[in-house]
Each structure stands twice: as structure tokens, then as C-alpha cells.
């Protein structure tokens, strides 16, 4: 993630690009870890190459498991990190939408 952010900050772009910030809310595959979130947000918000508002996304690790204790934790973490954010937010794919309507 850091390398991509540096490349975006150093790019010579004519117009800002739309950025979806992927947050690692527990899947542990891709995305900004929660402890990195504040720094990344600060840098993205001040980067002239980034169109405002920012967009936010994450993915569930166990969306199709209705008895999963992980999914509610992921929802809570994502919502707490992005509360008050103006941009679009995306958290759930099909399994998440059907099994976890609060997402």
C-alpha cells in the first residue's frame, strides 16, 4: 500500500483520479491496516492527484458464514473508521448483502 501511495503522490497527472481506499478490516489479504488508516487518510486528503471525496471499501472474510463472529467485528471496525466520511463506502459483495443486511 505504501508504494502505491508514494507513486500516486509523485505522479504527474493532468487531472485527479478517483481513489477507493481499501481497508483491511480482517480479511488480511489486501488493504490499509487499521493502524495505518489515519496516516493514509491524511496523505490522500492532501494529495493533489486524488479526487475528493475519497471512497472507502473493504471485504468480509466469512460473509457466507452466518454464525461468524468475525463479520460483525469487521462491520464495526469499518463503520467506526469511516464514520463521518463524505465519500461512498462499499463493504459487502453478494454474500454479505444477503447474509448481513446491516453491512
N, C-alpha and C. Protein backbone atom coordinates (compact mmCIF):
# COMPACT_ATOMS: atom_id res chain seq x y z
N UNK A 1 0.81 -1.20 0.00
CA UNK A 1 0.00 0.00 0.00
C UNK A 1 0.86 1.27 0.00
N UNK A 2 1.90 1.24 0.78
CA UNK A 2 2.78 2.41 0.89
C UNK A 2 3.37 2.78 -0.46
N UNK A 3 3.81 1.77 -1.21
CA UNK A 3 4.42 2.03 -2.52
C UNK A 3 3.41 2.65 -3.48
N UNK A 4 2.17 2.18 -3.43
CA UNK A 4 1.14 2.75 -4.30
C UNK A 4 0.83 4.19 -3.93
N UNK A 5 0.81 4.47 -2.65
CA UNK A 5 0.55 5.84 -2.20
C UNK A 5 1.68 6.77 -2.62
N UNK A 6 2.91 6.33 -2.48
CA UNK A 6 4.05 7.14 -2.91
C UNK A 6 3.98 7.41 -4.41
N UNK A 7 3.67 6.38 -5.19
CA UNK A 7 3.56 6.55 -6.64
C UNK A 7 2.47 7.55 -6.99
N UNK A 8 1.36 7.50 -6.29
CA UNK A 8 0.27 8.44 -6.52
C UNK A 8 0.68 9.86 -6.16
N UNK A 9 1.38 10.00 -5.05
CA UNK A 9 1.84 11.32 -4.61
C UNK A 9 2.85 11.92 -5.59
N UNK A 10 3.66 11.09 -6.22
CA UNK A 10 4.71 11.56 -7.11
C UNK A 10 4.30 11.62 -8.58
N UNK A 11 3.14 11.12 -8.90
CA UNK A 11 2.70 11.08 -10.30
C UNK A 11 2.47 12.49 -10.84
N UNK A 12 2.70 12.65 -12.12
CA UNK A 12 2.46 13.92 -12.81
C UNK A 12 1.17 13.76 -13.61
N UNK A 13 0.04 14.07 -12.98
CA UNK A 13 -1.26 13.86 -13.59
C UNK A 13 -1.89 15.18 -14.00
N UNK A 14 -2.62 15.16 -15.10
CA UNK A 14 -3.33 16.37 -15.53
C UNK A 14 -4.59 16.60 -14.71
N UNK A 15 -5.25 15.52 -14.33
CA UNK A 15 -6.46 15.64 -13.51
C UNK A 15 -6.40 14.62 -12.38
N UNK A 16 -7.01 14.93 -11.26
CA UNK A 16 -7.03 13.99 -10.13
C UNK A 16 -7.78 12.71 -10.49
N UNK A 17 -7.40 11.62 -9.84
CA UNK A 17 -8.05 10.33 -10.07
C UNK A 17 -8.93 9.97 -8.88
N UNK A 18 -9.97 9.19 -9.17
CA UNK A 18 -10.85 8.68 -8.11
C UNK A 18 -10.11 7.56 -7.39
N UNK A 19 -10.10 7.63 -6.08
CA UNK A 19 -9.39 6.63 -5.27
C UNK A 19 -10.38 5.94 -4.32
N UNK A 20 -10.37 4.62 -4.38
CA UNK A 20 -11.08 3.79 -3.40
C UNK A 20 -10.02 3.26 -2.44
N UNK A 21 -10.06 3.67 -1.19
CA UNK A 21 -9.12 3.20 -0.19
C UNK A 21 -9.63 1.88 0.37
N UNK A 22 -8.88 0.81 0.14
CA UNK A 22 -9.27 -0.50 0.67
C UNK A 22 -8.72 -0.63 2.08
N UNK A 23 -9.61 -0.91 3.00
CA UNK A 23 -9.26 -1.06 4.41
C UNK A 23 -9.25 -2.55 4.75
N UNK A 24 -8.17 -3.01 5.34
CA UNK A 24 -8.10 -4.40 5.79
C UNK A 24 -8.84 -4.49 7.12
N UNK A 25 -10.10 -4.89 7.06
CA UNK A 25 -10.93 -4.96 8.26
C UNK A 25 -10.90 -6.35 8.89
N UNK A 26 -10.07 -7.23 8.36
CA UNK A 26 -9.95 -8.55 8.97
C UNK A 26 -9.72 -9.68 8.00
N UNK A 27 -9.77 -9.43 6.72
CA UNK A 27 -9.53 -10.49 5.74
C UNK A 27 -8.04 -10.78 5.61
N UNK A 28 -7.22 -9.78 5.87
CA UNK A 28 -5.76 -9.89 5.90
C UNK A 28 -5.16 -10.31 4.56
N UNK A 29 -5.72 -9.78 3.49
CA UNK A 29 -5.16 -10.04 2.16
C UNK A 29 -4.59 -8.77 1.55
N UNK A 30 -5.41 -7.77 1.47
CA UNK A 30 -5.01 -6.50 0.87
C UNK A 30 -5.59 -5.36 1.69
N UNK A 31 -5.04 -4.19 1.50
CA UNK A 31 -5.63 -3.01 2.10
C UNK A 31 -4.79 -2.40 3.20
N UNK A 32 -5.21 -1.22 3.58
CA UNK A 32 -4.56 -0.46 4.65
C UNK A 32 -4.99 -1.04 5.99
N UNK A 33 -4.04 -1.36 6.82
CA UNK A 33 -4.35 -1.87 8.16
C UNK A 33 -4.92 -0.73 9.01
N UNK A 34 -5.79 -1.06 9.95
CA UNK A 34 -6.41 -0.01 10.78
C UNK A 34 -5.40 0.93 11.43
N UNK A 35 -4.26 0.41 11.85
CA UNK A 35 -3.27 1.28 12.50
C UNK A 35 -2.59 2.23 11.51
N UNK A 36 -2.73 1.99 10.21
CA UNK A 36 -2.17 2.87 9.18
C UNK A 36 -3.20 3.87 8.66
N UNK A 37 -4.45 3.67 9.01
CA UNK A 37 -5.56 4.40 8.41
C UNK A 37 -5.41 5.92 8.51
N UNK A 38 -5.16 6.44 9.69
CA UNK A 38 -5.09 7.90 9.87
C UNK A 38 -4.01 8.53 9.00
N UNK A 39 -2.85 7.90 8.94
CA UNK A 39 -1.77 8.44 8.11
C UNK A 39 -2.15 8.43 6.63
N UNK A 40 -2.72 7.32 6.16
CA UNK A 40 -3.11 7.23 4.75
C UNK A 40 -4.18 8.26 4.40
N UNK A 41 -5.17 8.40 5.26
CA UNK A 41 -6.24 9.37 5.01
C UNK A 41 -5.66 10.77 4.93
N UNK A 42 -4.80 11.11 5.85
CA UNK A 42 -4.19 12.44 5.86
C UNK A 42 -3.43 12.69 4.56
N UNK A 43 -2.65 11.74 4.15
CA UNK A 43 -1.86 11.91 2.92
C UNK A 43 -2.74 11.95 1.68
N UNK A 44 -3.77 11.11 1.62
CA UNK A 44 -4.66 11.11 0.46
C UNK A 44 -5.45 12.42 0.37
N UNK A 45 -5.89 12.93 1.51
CA UNK A 45 -6.67 14.17 1.51
C UNK A 45 -5.86 15.37 1.07
N UNK A 46 -4.55 15.34 1.27
CA UNK A 46 -3.71 16.47 0.88
C UNK A 46 -3.03 16.26 -0.47
N UNK A 47 -3.23 15.11 -1.08
CA UNK A 47 -2.59 14.82 -2.36
C UNK A 47 -3.38 15.46 -3.51
N UNK A 48 -2.76 16.32 -4.30
CA UNK A 48 -3.47 16.98 -5.40
C UNK A 48 -3.88 16.01 -6.51
N UNK A 49 -3.32 14.82 -6.53
CA UNK A 49 -3.66 13.84 -7.57
C UNK A 49 -4.89 13.01 -7.24
N UNK A 50 -5.49 13.24 -6.07
CA UNK A 50 -6.64 12.46 -5.62
C UNK A 50 -7.90 13.30 -5.69
N UNK A 51 -8.90 12.79 -6.42
CA UNK A 51 -10.20 13.46 -6.49
C UNK A 51 -10.90 13.33 -5.14
N UNK A 52 -11.55 14.38 -4.74
CA UNK A 52 -12.29 14.38 -3.48
C UNK A 52 -13.78 14.28 -3.79
N UNK A 53 -14.56 13.62 -2.95
CA UNK A 53 -14.16 12.94 -1.73
C UNK A 53 -13.54 11.58 -2.01
N UNK A 54 -12.83 11.07 -1.03
CA UNK A 54 -12.28 9.71 -1.11
C UNK A 54 -13.42 8.71 -1.05
N UNK A 55 -13.18 7.52 -1.51
CA UNK A 55 -14.12 6.41 -1.40
C UNK A 55 -13.47 5.33 -0.54
N UNK A 56 -14.29 4.51 0.12
CA UNK A 56 -13.78 3.55 1.09
C UNK A 56 -14.38 2.17 0.83
N UNK A 57 -13.56 1.13 0.96
CA UNK A 57 -14.07 -0.22 0.74
C UNK A 57 -13.34 -1.21 1.64
N UNK A 58 -13.97 -2.36 1.81
CA UNK A 58 -13.36 -3.48 2.50
C UNK A 58 -14.09 -4.74 2.03
N UNK A 59 -13.63 -5.89 2.48
CA UNK A 59 -14.27 -7.16 2.14
C UNK A 59 -14.35 -8.03 3.38
N UNK A 60 -15.42 -8.82 3.44
CA UNK A 60 -15.58 -9.78 4.53
C UNK A 60 -14.76 -11.03 4.26
N UNK A 61 -14.23 -11.60 5.31
CA UNK A 61 -13.52 -12.86 5.20
C UNK A 61 -14.44 -14.06 5.26
N UNK A 62 -15.59 -13.91 5.92
CA UNK A 62 -16.50 -15.05 6.15
C UNK A 62 -17.96 -14.64 5.96
N UNK A 63 -18.28 -13.88 4.95
CA UNK A 63 -19.63 -13.35 4.79
C UNK A 63 -20.69 -14.43 4.65
N UNK A 64 -20.32 -15.57 4.10
CA UNK A 64 -21.31 -16.63 3.89
C UNK A 64 -21.49 -17.53 5.11
N UNK A 65 -20.81 -17.22 6.20
CA UNK A 65 -20.95 -17.99 7.44
C UNK A 65 -21.78 -17.18 8.43
N UNK A 66 -23.07 -17.53 8.53
CA UNK A 66 -23.99 -16.74 9.34
C UNK A 66 -23.64 -16.74 10.83
N UNK A 67 -22.94 -17.75 11.30
CA UNK A 67 -22.59 -17.79 12.71
C UNK A 67 -21.20 -17.22 12.99
N UNK A 68 -20.62 -16.56 12.01
CA UNK A 68 -19.28 -16.00 12.16
C UNK A 68 -19.28 -14.84 13.15
N UNK A 69 -18.32 -14.87 14.06
CA UNK A 69 -18.16 -13.73 14.97
C UNK A 69 -17.25 -12.67 14.36
N UNK A 70 -16.57 -13.04 13.28
CA UNK A 70 -15.63 -12.13 12.63
C UNK A 70 -16.35 -11.04 11.84
N UNK A 71 -17.40 -11.41 11.12
CA UNK A 71 -18.09 -10.44 10.25
C UNK A 71 -18.65 -9.25 11.04
N UNK A 72 -19.34 -9.45 12.16
CA UNK A 72 -19.80 -8.27 12.92
C UNK A 72 -18.64 -7.38 13.37
N UNK A 73 -17.51 -7.99 13.71
CA UNK A 73 -16.34 -7.20 14.10
C UNK A 73 -15.82 -6.39 12.92
N UNK A 74 -15.83 -6.99 11.73
CA UNK A 74 -15.38 -6.27 10.53
C UNK A 74 -16.32 -5.10 10.23
N UNK A 75 -17.62 -5.33 10.35
CA UNK A 75 -18.60 -4.26 10.11
C UNK A 75 -18.35 -3.11 11.08
N UNK A 76 -18.20 -3.44 12.36
CA UNK A 76 -17.99 -2.41 13.38
C UNK A 76 -16.70 -1.62 13.12
N UNK A 77 -15.63 -2.32 12.79
CA UNK A 77 -14.36 -1.64 12.52
C UNK A 77 -14.47 -0.71 11.32
N UNK A 78 -15.03 -1.21 10.23
CA UNK A 78 -15.17 -0.40 9.01
C UNK A 78 -16.04 0.83 9.28
N UNK A 79 -17.16 0.63 9.95
CA UNK A 79 -18.06 1.75 10.23
C UNK A 79 -17.41 2.77 11.15
N UNK A 80 -16.65 2.30 12.13
CA UNK A 80 -16.01 3.25 13.05
C UNK A 80 -14.91 4.05 12.34
N UNK A 81 -14.16 3.40 11.46
CA UNK A 81 -13.10 4.11 10.74
C UNK A 81 -13.67 5.12 9.75
N UNK A 82 -14.79 4.78 9.13
CA UNK A 82 -15.31 5.64 8.06
C UNK A 82 -16.49 6.52 8.50
N UNK A 83 -16.85 6.48 9.77
CA UNK A 83 -17.95 7.34 10.22
C UNK A 83 -17.55 8.80 10.01
N UNK A 84 -18.48 9.56 9.52
CA UNK A 84 -18.20 10.97 9.25
C UNK A 84 -17.53 11.23 7.92
N UNK A 85 -17.18 10.19 7.19
CA UNK A 85 -16.55 10.36 5.88
C UNK A 85 -17.61 10.70 4.84
N UNK A 86 -17.27 11.58 3.93
CA UNK A 86 -18.24 12.04 2.94
C UNK A 86 -18.35 11.13 1.72
N UNK A 87 -17.33 10.38 1.42
CA UNK A 87 -17.32 9.58 0.20
C UNK A 87 -18.15 8.31 0.29
N UNK A 88 -18.32 7.69 -0.86
CA UNK A 88 -19.04 6.42 -0.92
C UNK A 88 -18.30 5.37 -0.12
N UNK A 89 -19.07 4.40 0.39
CA UNK A 89 -18.49 3.29 1.13
C UNK A 89 -19.06 1.99 0.58
N UNK A 90 -18.20 0.98 0.47
CA UNK A 90 -18.61 -0.33 -0.02
C UNK A 90 -17.99 -1.38 0.88
N UNK A 91 -18.84 -2.23 1.42
CA UNK A 91 -18.35 -3.22 2.36
C UNK A 91 -18.68 -4.64 1.96
N UNK A 92 -19.79 -4.86 1.31
CA UNK A 92 -20.24 -6.23 1.10
C UNK A 92 -20.46 -6.58 -0.36
N UNK A 93 -20.02 -7.77 -0.72
CA UNK A 93 -20.37 -8.36 -2.01
C UNK A 93 -21.70 -9.09 -1.83
N UNK A 94 -22.09 -9.88 -2.79
CA UNK A 94 -23.41 -10.53 -2.77
C UNK A 94 -23.68 -11.32 -1.49
N UNK A 95 -22.74 -12.16 -1.07
CA UNK A 95 -22.95 -12.96 0.14
C UNK A 95 -23.16 -12.08 1.35
N UNK A 96 -22.41 -11.01 1.44
CA UNK A 96 -22.55 -10.09 2.56
C UNK A 96 -23.88 -9.37 2.56
N UNK A 97 -24.33 -8.95 1.40
CA UNK A 97 -25.61 -8.25 1.31
C UNK A 97 -26.77 -9.14 1.72
N UNK A 98 -26.71 -10.41 1.33
CA UNK A 98 -27.79 -11.33 1.65
C UNK A 98 -27.74 -11.79 3.11
N UNK A 99 -26.56 -12.08 3.61
CA UNK A 99 -26.44 -12.64 4.95
C UNK A 99 -26.33 -11.58 6.04
N UNK A 100 -25.82 -10.41 5.69
CA UNK A 100 -25.55 -9.36 6.68
C UNK A 100 -26.14 -8.04 6.20
N UNK A 101 -27.47 -7.87 6.25
CA UNK A 101 -28.10 -6.65 5.70
C UNK A 101 -27.61 -5.36 6.33
N UNK A 102 -27.13 -5.40 7.57
CA UNK A 102 -26.62 -4.19 8.21
C UNK A 102 -25.33 -3.69 7.58
N UNK A 103 -24.73 -4.51 6.71
CA UNK A 103 -23.48 -4.10 6.07
C UNK A 103 -23.77 -3.12 4.95
